[in-house]
Amino acid sequence: MDKNNEEMIYEDREALDGELNNAIAEILSAEEQAKHTIAKAEETVKAVQLDGATRERDMKENSNKIMAKAHDEAISAAEARAVNECNRRIAAAEKKGEELIKSKQKQITERVNELYAMLEGK
C-alpha cells in the first residue's frame, strides 16, 4: 500500500461516541453557565439602572428642597429689607411732618403777633 491508499484506522466507536457526548455535555454546560451569567449581568444592570434612577430622583427632590428653601430665605430677606425701608421712610416722613408743623406754627405765631400788633396800633 502506498501512502495515498493507506487504510484509515478508526478508533473504537463507543469511545468516540463517549468523547463526543462528553464534549456536547461540556458545551451545553458552558452554554447554561453563559445564560446564567448573562441573566445575572442583566439583573445587575437593571439594579444599577434602578439605583441610578432612584438617586437621580432623590437628587432632584433635594435640589428642589434646597431651591425652595433659598427662595423662602430670599423672600424673607426681601420682606425684612422692605419692612426696614418702610420704617425708615415712615420715620423720615414723621420727622419732616413734625418739622413742617413746627415751621408752620412758628409762621402762624408770627402772623398772629403781627395781626395783634396791627390791632393794638390802631
N, C-alpha and C. Protein backbone atom coordinates (compact mmCIF):
# COMPACT_ATOMS: atom_id res chain seq x y z
N MET A 1 0.83 -1.17 0.00
CA MET A 1 0.00 0.00 0.00
C MET A 1 0.88 1.24 0.00
N ASP A 2 0.50 2.06 -0.86
CA ASP A 2 1.26 3.29 -0.88
C ASP A 2 0.63 4.30 0.06
N LYS A 3 1.29 5.39 0.16
CA LYS A 3 0.89 6.39 1.14
C LYS A 3 -0.51 6.90 0.91
N ASN A 4 -0.87 7.10 -0.32
CA ASN A 4 -2.17 7.67 -0.62
C ASN A 4 -3.30 6.69 -0.36
N ASN A 5 -3.01 5.46 -0.41
CA ASN A 5 -4.06 4.48 -0.24
C ASN A 5 -4.02 3.82 1.12
N GLU A 6 -3.46 4.48 2.09
CA GLU A 6 -3.41 3.88 3.41
C GLU A 6 -4.82 3.70 3.93
N GLU A 7 -4.98 2.66 4.59
CA GLU A 7 -6.29 2.36 5.15
C GLU A 7 -6.47 3.15 6.43
N MET A 8 -7.64 3.74 6.55
CA MET A 8 -7.90 4.53 7.74
C MET A 8 -8.23 3.59 8.88
N ILE A 9 -7.66 3.94 9.99
CA ILE A 9 -7.91 3.13 11.17
C ILE A 9 -8.84 3.94 12.08
N TYR A 10 -9.94 3.36 12.39
CA TYR A 10 -10.93 4.02 13.24
C TYR A 10 -10.76 3.58 14.67
N GLU A 11 -10.96 4.51 15.55
CA GLU A 11 -10.92 4.18 16.96
C GLU A 11 -12.20 3.44 17.31
N ASP A 12 -12.26 2.99 18.49
CA ASP A 12 -13.45 2.29 18.97
C ASP A 12 -14.62 3.27 18.95
N ARG A 13 -15.69 2.89 18.29
CA ARG A 13 -16.85 3.77 18.10
C ARG A 13 -17.46 4.18 19.42
N GLU A 14 -17.53 3.29 20.35
CA GLU A 14 -18.12 3.62 21.65
C GLU A 14 -17.27 4.66 22.39
N ALA A 15 -15.96 4.54 22.27
CA ALA A 15 -15.07 5.50 22.91
C ALA A 15 -15.25 6.88 22.27
N LEU A 16 -15.33 6.90 20.94
CA LEU A 16 -15.53 8.16 20.23
C LEU A 16 -16.89 8.77 20.57
N ASP A 17 -17.93 7.92 20.61
CA ASP A 17 -19.26 8.41 20.98
C ASP A 17 -19.24 8.98 22.40
N GLY A 18 -18.52 8.36 23.28
CA GLY A 18 -18.41 8.83 24.67
C GLY A 18 -17.73 10.19 24.71
N GLU A 19 -16.64 10.32 23.96
CA GLU A 19 -15.94 11.60 23.91
C GLU A 19 -16.82 12.69 23.32
N LEU A 20 -17.55 12.32 22.26
CA LEU A 20 -18.47 13.28 21.64
C LEU A 20 -19.55 13.70 22.62
N ASN A 21 -20.12 12.75 23.33
CA ASN A 21 -21.16 13.05 24.32
C ASN A 21 -20.60 13.94 25.43
N ASN A 22 -19.36 13.64 25.85
CA ASN A 22 -18.72 14.48 26.88
C ASN A 22 -18.53 15.90 26.37
N ALA A 23 -18.07 16.03 25.12
CA ALA A 23 -17.86 17.35 24.54
C ALA A 23 -19.18 18.10 24.43
N ILE A 24 -20.23 17.41 23.99
CA ILE A 24 -21.56 18.03 23.88
C ILE A 24 -22.05 18.46 25.26
N ALA A 25 -21.85 17.59 26.27
CA ALA A 25 -22.27 17.92 27.63
C ALA A 25 -21.52 19.13 28.16
N GLU A 26 -20.22 19.21 27.87
CA GLU A 26 -19.44 20.36 28.31
C GLU A 26 -19.91 21.64 27.61
N ILE A 27 -20.21 21.53 26.31
CA ILE A 27 -20.71 22.69 25.57
C ILE A 27 -22.05 23.15 26.13
N LEU A 28 -22.95 22.20 26.39
CA LEU A 28 -24.26 22.54 26.96
C LEU A 28 -24.11 23.14 28.35
N SER A 29 -23.19 22.59 29.13
CA SER A 29 -22.95 23.12 30.47
C SER A 29 -22.40 24.54 30.39
N ALA A 30 -21.46 24.76 29.47
CA ALA A 30 -20.90 26.10 29.28
C ALA A 30 -21.99 27.06 28.81
N GLU A 31 -22.87 26.56 27.94
CA GLU A 31 -23.97 27.39 27.46
C GLU A 31 -24.90 27.76 28.61
N GLU A 32 -25.21 26.83 29.48
CA GLU A 32 -26.06 27.11 30.65
C GLU A 32 -25.38 28.11 31.58
N GLN A 33 -24.07 27.91 31.79
CA GLN A 33 -23.33 28.86 32.63
C GLN A 33 -23.34 30.26 32.00
N ALA A 34 -23.18 30.32 30.68
CA ALA A 34 -23.21 31.60 29.99
C ALA A 34 -24.58 32.26 30.13
N LYS A 35 -25.65 31.47 29.97
CA LYS A 35 -27.00 32.01 30.14
C LYS A 35 -27.19 32.53 31.56
N HIS A 36 -26.71 31.77 32.53
CA HIS A 36 -26.82 32.16 33.93
C HIS A 36 -26.03 33.46 34.17
N THR A 37 -24.84 33.53 33.63
CA THR A 37 -24.01 34.72 33.78
C THR A 37 -24.66 35.93 33.11
N ILE A 38 -25.23 35.72 31.92
CA ILE A 38 -25.92 36.82 31.22
C ILE A 38 -27.13 37.28 32.02
N ALA A 39 -27.88 36.33 32.57
CA ALA A 39 -29.06 36.68 33.37
C ALA A 39 -28.64 37.49 34.60
N LYS A 40 -27.55 37.05 35.26
CA LYS A 40 -27.06 37.80 36.42
C LYS A 40 -26.61 39.20 36.01
N ALA A 41 -25.93 39.29 34.87
CA ALA A 41 -25.47 40.59 34.39
C ALA A 41 -26.66 41.49 34.09
N GLU A 42 -27.71 40.94 33.47
CA GLU A 42 -28.90 41.73 33.18
C GLU A 42 -29.56 42.21 34.47
N GLU A 43 -29.61 41.34 35.49
CA GLU A 43 -30.18 41.72 36.78
C GLU A 43 -29.34 42.84 37.40
N THR A 44 -28.04 42.70 37.30
CA THR A 44 -27.15 43.72 37.85
C THR A 44 -27.35 45.05 37.13
N VAL A 45 -27.46 45.00 35.81
CA VAL A 45 -27.69 46.22 35.03
C VAL A 45 -29.01 46.87 35.44
N LYS A 46 -30.06 46.06 35.57
CA LYS A 46 -31.36 46.60 35.98
C LYS A 46 -31.26 47.22 37.37
N ALA A 47 -30.54 46.55 38.28
CA ALA A 47 -30.39 47.07 39.64
C ALA A 47 -29.62 48.39 39.62
N VAL A 48 -28.58 48.47 38.81
CA VAL A 48 -27.79 49.70 38.70
C VAL A 48 -28.65 50.81 38.10
N GLN A 49 -29.43 50.48 37.07
CA GLN A 49 -30.31 51.49 36.45
C GLN A 49 -31.35 51.99 37.45
N LEU A 50 -31.93 51.06 38.21
CA LEU A 50 -32.93 51.43 39.21
C LEU A 50 -32.29 52.30 40.28
N ASP A 51 -31.10 51.90 40.73
CA ASP A 51 -30.39 52.69 41.73
C ASP A 51 -30.06 54.08 41.19
N GLY A 52 -29.62 54.13 39.94
CA GLY A 52 -29.31 55.42 39.32
C GLY A 52 -30.55 56.30 39.22
N ALA A 53 -31.66 55.70 38.82
CA ALA A 53 -32.91 56.46 38.71
C ALA A 53 -33.36 56.95 40.09
N THR A 54 -33.21 56.09 41.09
CA THR A 54 -33.59 56.47 42.45
C THR A 54 -32.72 57.62 42.94
N ARG A 55 -31.41 57.49 42.72
CA ARG A 55 -30.50 58.57 43.14
C ARG A 55 -30.80 59.86 42.40
N GLU A 56 -31.09 59.76 41.11
CA GLU A 56 -31.41 60.95 40.33
C GLU A 56 -32.67 61.63 40.88
N ARG A 57 -33.70 60.81 41.18
CA ARG A 57 -34.94 61.35 41.74
C ARG A 57 -34.66 62.01 43.09
N ASP A 58 -33.87 61.34 43.94
CA ASP A 58 -33.54 61.90 45.25
C ASP A 58 -32.77 63.21 45.10
N MET A 59 -31.84 63.25 44.15
CA MET A 59 -31.06 64.47 43.94
C MET A 59 -31.96 65.60 43.46
N LYS A 60 -32.92 65.28 42.58
CA LYS A 60 -33.85 66.31 42.10
C LYS A 60 -34.71 66.82 43.26
N GLU A 61 -35.19 65.89 44.10
CA GLU A 61 -36.00 66.30 45.25
C GLU A 61 -35.20 67.19 46.18
N ASN A 62 -33.94 66.78 46.47
CA ASN A 62 -33.09 67.59 47.33
C ASN A 62 -32.82 68.95 46.71
N SER A 63 -32.59 68.95 45.42
CA SER A 63 -32.35 70.21 44.71
C SER A 63 -33.57 71.11 44.81
N ASN A 64 -34.75 70.54 44.61
CA ASN A 64 -35.98 71.32 44.71
C ASN A 64 -36.17 71.86 46.13
N LYS A 65 -35.85 71.03 47.14
CA LYS A 65 -35.96 71.48 48.52
C LYS A 65 -34.99 72.62 48.80
N ILE A 66 -33.75 72.47 48.31
CA ILE A 66 -32.74 73.50 48.53
C ILE A 66 -33.16 74.78 47.84
N MET A 67 -33.67 74.65 46.60
CA MET A 67 -34.11 75.84 45.86
C MET A 67 -35.29 76.50 46.56
N ALA A 68 -36.23 75.70 47.05
CA ALA A 68 -37.39 76.26 47.75
C ALA A 68 -36.95 76.97 49.02
N LYS A 69 -36.01 76.35 49.74
CA LYS A 69 -35.51 76.97 50.98
C LYS A 69 -34.80 78.29 50.65
N ALA A 70 -33.96 78.28 49.61
CA ALA A 70 -33.26 79.50 49.21
C ALA A 70 -34.27 80.56 48.78
N HIS A 71 -35.31 80.15 48.08
CA HIS A 71 -36.36 81.08 47.65
C HIS A 71 -37.06 81.68 48.86
N ASP A 72 -37.40 80.81 49.83
CA ASP A 72 -38.06 81.30 51.05
C ASP A 72 -37.15 82.28 51.80
N GLU A 73 -35.85 81.93 51.88
CA GLU A 73 -34.91 82.81 52.57
C GLU A 73 -34.78 84.14 51.84
N ALA A 74 -34.75 84.09 50.52
CA ALA A 74 -34.66 85.33 49.74
C ALA A 74 -35.90 86.19 49.95
N ILE A 75 -37.06 85.56 49.97
CA ILE A 75 -38.31 86.30 50.20
C ILE A 75 -38.31 86.89 51.61
N SER A 76 -37.87 86.11 52.59
CA SER A 76 -37.82 86.62 53.96
C SER A 76 -36.86 87.80 54.07
N ALA A 77 -35.70 87.68 53.41
CA ALA A 77 -34.74 88.78 53.45
C ALA A 77 -35.31 90.02 52.76
N ALA A 78 -35.98 89.81 51.63
CA ALA A 78 -36.58 90.94 50.92
C ALA A 78 -37.68 91.58 51.77
N GLU A 79 -38.45 90.74 52.45
CA GLU A 79 -39.50 91.27 53.32
C GLU A 79 -38.90 92.09 54.46
N ALA A 80 -37.82 91.58 55.04
CA ALA A 80 -37.16 92.30 56.13
C ALA A 80 -36.61 93.64 55.63
N ARG A 81 -35.99 93.62 54.45
CA ARG A 81 -35.48 94.87 53.87
C ARG A 81 -36.63 95.85 53.61
N ALA A 82 -37.75 95.32 53.10
CA ALA A 82 -38.91 96.18 52.81
C ALA A 82 -39.46 96.78 54.09
N VAL A 83 -39.55 95.97 55.15
CA VAL A 83 -40.06 96.47 56.43
C VAL A 83 -39.12 97.55 56.96
N ASN A 84 -37.81 97.29 56.89
CA ASN A 84 -36.84 98.29 57.36
C ASN A 84 -36.94 99.58 56.55
N GLU A 85 -37.04 99.44 55.24
CA GLU A 85 -37.16 100.62 54.38
C GLU A 85 -38.45 101.37 54.68
N CYS A 86 -39.53 100.63 54.90
CA CYS A 86 -40.82 101.23 55.23
C CYS A 86 -40.71 102.01 56.54
N ASN A 87 -40.13 101.37 57.55
CA ASN A 87 -39.97 102.03 58.85
C ASN A 87 -39.09 103.27 58.73
N ARG A 88 -38.03 103.17 57.93
CA ARG A 88 -37.14 104.32 57.73
C ARG A 88 -37.89 105.47 57.07
N ARG A 89 -38.68 105.15 56.05
CA ARG A 89 -39.43 106.19 55.35
C ARG A 89 -40.52 106.80 56.24
N ILE A 90 -41.16 105.95 57.02
CA ILE A 90 -42.19 106.46 57.95
C ILE A 90 -41.56 107.41 58.96
N ALA A 91 -40.40 106.99 59.51
CA ALA A 91 -39.70 107.84 60.48
C ALA A 91 -39.29 109.15 59.83
N ALA A 92 -38.77 109.08 58.61
CA ALA A 92 -38.37 110.30 57.90
C ALA A 92 -39.57 111.19 57.63
N ALA A 93 -40.69 110.60 57.23
CA ALA A 93 -41.90 111.37 56.95
C ALA A 93 -42.43 112.01 58.23
N GLU A 94 -42.41 111.26 59.34
CA GLU A 94 -42.87 111.82 60.61
C GLU A 94 -41.99 112.99 61.04
N LYS A 95 -40.67 112.81 60.88
CA LYS A 95 -39.74 113.88 61.25
C LYS A 95 -39.98 115.12 60.39
N LYS A 96 -40.12 114.89 59.09
CA LYS A 96 -40.36 116.01 58.18
C LYS A 96 -41.70 116.67 58.50
N GLY A 97 -42.69 115.84 58.82
CA GLY A 97 -44.01 116.38 59.19
C GLY A 97 -43.93 117.21 60.45
N GLU A 98 -43.20 116.74 61.45
CA GLU A 98 -43.05 117.49 62.70
C GLU A 98 -42.33 118.82 62.44
N GLU A 99 -41.28 118.75 61.61
CA GLU A 99 -40.56 119.97 61.28
C GLU A 99 -41.47 120.96 60.54
N LEU A 100 -42.28 120.43 59.63
CA LEU A 100 -43.20 121.28 58.88
C LEU A 100 -44.23 121.90 59.81
N ILE A 101 -44.75 121.09 60.74
CA ILE A 101 -45.74 121.62 61.71
C ILE A 101 -45.10 122.71 62.56
N LYS A 102 -43.88 122.45 63.05
CA LYS A 102 -43.19 123.47 63.87
C LYS A 102 -42.98 124.74 63.06
N SER A 103 -42.57 124.57 61.81
CA SER A 103 -42.34 125.71 60.94
C SER A 103 -43.63 126.50 60.73
N LYS A 104 -44.70 125.79 60.46
CA LYS A 104 -45.99 126.45 60.22
C LYS A 104 -46.50 127.10 61.50
N GLN A 105 -46.30 126.42 62.65
CA GLN A 105 -46.73 127.01 63.93
C GLN A 105 -45.98 128.31 64.18
N LYS A 106 -44.68 128.28 63.85
CA LYS A 106 -43.87 129.48 64.04
C LYS A 106 -44.39 130.60 63.13
N GLN A 107 -44.69 130.28 61.89
CA GLN A 107 -45.21 131.27 60.95
C GLN A 107 -46.56 131.80 61.42
N ILE A 108 -47.40 130.86 61.89
CA ILE A 108 -48.73 131.26 62.36
C ILE A 108 -48.59 132.18 63.58
N THR A 109 -47.69 131.81 64.50
CA THR A 109 -47.48 132.63 65.69
C THR A 109 -46.99 134.01 65.29
N GLU A 110 -46.06 134.07 64.35
CA GLU A 110 -45.55 135.36 63.89
C GLU A 110 -46.68 136.18 63.25
N ARG A 111 -47.49 135.54 62.45
CA ARG A 111 -48.60 136.23 61.77
C ARG A 111 -49.63 136.74 62.77
N VAL A 112 -49.93 135.88 63.77
CA VAL A 112 -50.88 136.28 64.81
C VAL A 112 -50.32 137.50 65.55
N ASN A 113 -49.05 137.46 65.89
CA ASN A 113 -48.43 138.58 66.59
C ASN A 113 -48.49 139.85 65.74
N GLU A 114 -48.27 139.71 64.44
CA GLU A 114 -48.36 140.86 63.54
C GLU A 114 -49.78 141.43 63.54
N LEU A 115 -50.75 140.53 63.48
CA LEU A 115 -52.15 140.98 63.46
C LEU A 115 -52.51 141.68 64.78
N TYR A 116 -52.08 141.14 65.91
CA TYR A 116 -52.33 141.78 67.21
C TYR A 116 -51.66 143.15 67.26
N ALA A 117 -50.45 143.17 66.73
CA ALA A 117 -49.72 144.45 66.73
C ALA A 117 -50.46 145.46 65.89
N MET A 118 -51.02 145.06 64.79
CA MET A 118 -51.77 145.95 63.92
C MET A 118 -53.04 146.42 64.64
N LEU A 119 -53.66 145.51 65.34
CA LEU A 119 -54.89 145.88 66.07
C LEU A 119 -54.56 146.85 67.22
N GLU A 120 -53.49 146.60 67.90
CA GLU A 120 -53.10 147.44 69.03
C GLU A 120 -52.62 148.79 68.53
N GLY A 121 -52.06 148.83 67.35
CA GLY A 121 -51.56 150.07 66.79
C GLY A 121 -52.67 150.96 66.29
N LYS A 122 -53.79 150.48 66.14
CA LYS A 122 -54.88 151.33 65.64
C LYS A 122 -55.44 152.19 66.65
